[in-house]
């Protein structure tokens, strides 16, 4: 988040120009577009995680939930990434 915050600070001073005062319409449009883009990216990110979790759950359809939890705890203790963790 640090790099994006820095990029936002650098761009923000360029978007809000004194000649556009007091309404700053171009800057408001740019900020609105960037916020909308951020929301769309968050939705896509969530959909990807739902897809990945469902794909992982389909790998072991007959495994009881209790056993899945036990395997997840074991994988966490082994410091596995999500890709390594079945």
Protein backbone atom coordinates (compact mmCIF):
# COMPACT_ATOMS: atom_id res chain seq x y z
CA UNK A 1 0.00 0.00 0.00
CA UNK A 2 2.96 2.31 0.57
CA UNK A 3 3.85 2.64 -3.11
CA UNK A 4 0.27 3.25 -4.15
CA UNK A 5 -0.18 5.89 -1.45
CA UNK A 6 2.95 7.63 -2.73
CA UNK A 7 1.71 7.43 -6.31
CA UNK A 8 -1.62 8.88 -5.22
CA UNK A 9 0.11 11.74 -3.44
CA UNK A 10 2.23 12.48 -6.51
CA UNK A 11 -0.74 12.37 -8.91
CA UNK A 12 -3.11 14.22 -6.60
CA UNK A 13 -1.07 17.39 -6.64
CA UNK A 14 -1.12 17.33 -10.43
CA UNK A 15 -4.87 16.71 -10.73
CA UNK A 16 -6.01 19.53 -8.47
CA UNK A 17 -4.94 22.62 -10.41
CA UNK A 18 -5.57 26.18 -9.23
CA UNK A 19 -7.12 27.09 -12.59
CA UNK A 20 -9.94 24.57 -11.93
CA UNK A 21 -10.86 26.09 -8.53
CA UNK A 22 -13.30 26.08 -6.80
CA UNK A 23 -15.09 23.04 -8.26
CA UNK A 24 -12.07 21.08 -9.55
CA UNK A 25 -14.26 19.20 -12.05
CA UNK A 26 -11.38 17.45 -13.92
CA UNK A 27 -9.88 16.23 -10.64
CA UNK A 28 -13.26 15.03 -9.36
CA UNK A 29 -13.83 13.10 -12.58
CA UNK A 30 -10.37 11.53 -12.34
CA UNK A 31 -10.90 10.57 -8.69
CA UNK A 32 -14.33 9.10 -9.47
CA UNK A 33 -12.91 7.00 -12.31
CA UNK A 34 -10.08 5.76 -10.10
CA UNK A 35 -12.45 4.87 -7.25
CA UNK A 36 -14.74 3.01 -9.68
CA UNK A 37 -11.73 1.14 -11.07
CA UNK A 38 -10.68 0.21 -7.56
CA UNK A 39 -14.14 -1.19 -6.78
CA UNK A 40 -14.16 -3.25 -9.98
CA UNK A 41 -10.71 -4.63 -9.18
CA UNK A 42 -11.80 -5.59 -5.65
CA UNK A 43 -14.83 -7.41 -7.06
CA UNK A 44 -12.63 -9.27 -9.56
CA UNK A 45 -10.17 -10.12 -6.80
CA UNK A 46 -12.94 -11.55 -4.63
CA UNK A 47 -14.34 -13.58 -7.53
CA UNK A 48 -10.91 -15.05 -8.14
CA UNK A 49 -10.59 -16.10 -4.49
CA UNK A 50 -14.07 -17.65 -4.51
CA UNK A 51 -13.15 -19.54 -7.68
CA UNK A 52 -9.82 -20.73 -6.21
CA UNK A 53 -11.45 -21.87 -2.98
CA UNK A 54 -14.22 -23.74 -4.83
CA UNK A 55 -11.64 -25.39 -7.09
CA UNK A 56 -9.66 -26.50 -4.03
CA UNK A 57 -12.82 -27.82 -2.34
CA UNK A 58 -13.68 -29.86 -5.46
CA UNK A 59 -10.34 -31.68 -5.22
CA UNK A 60 -11.54 -33.56 -2.13
CA UNK A 61 -15.32 -33.95 -2.48
CA UNK A 62 -15.65 -36.91 -0.10
CA UNK A 63 -13.48 -35.47 2.67
CA UNK A 64 -15.49 -34.52 5.78
CA UNK A 65 -15.28 -30.91 6.98
CA UNK A 66 -13.59 -31.98 10.21
CA UNK A 67 -10.80 -33.68 8.25
CA UNK A 68 -10.39 -30.62 5.99
CA UNK A 69 -9.92 -28.43 9.06
CA UNK A 70 -7.34 -30.85 10.47
CA UNK A 71 -5.41 -30.84 7.18
CA UNK A 72 -5.57 -27.02 7.04
CA UNK A 73 -4.09 -26.78 10.53
CA UNK A 74 -1.30 -29.18 9.58
CA UNK A 75 -0.55 -27.18 6.43
CA UNK A 76 -0.45 -23.97 8.45
CA UNK A 77 2.03 -25.51 10.86
CA UNK A 78 4.23 -26.49 7.92
CA UNK A 79 4.20 -22.86 6.71
CA UNK A 80 2.80 -23.75 3.28
CA UNK A 81 1.52 -21.20 0.81
CA UNK A 82 -1.99 -21.40 -0.62
CA UNK A 83 -0.60 -22.93 -3.81
CA UNK A 84 1.29 -25.63 -1.89
CA UNK A 85 -1.60 -26.39 0.45
CA UNK A 86 -3.94 -28.98 -1.03
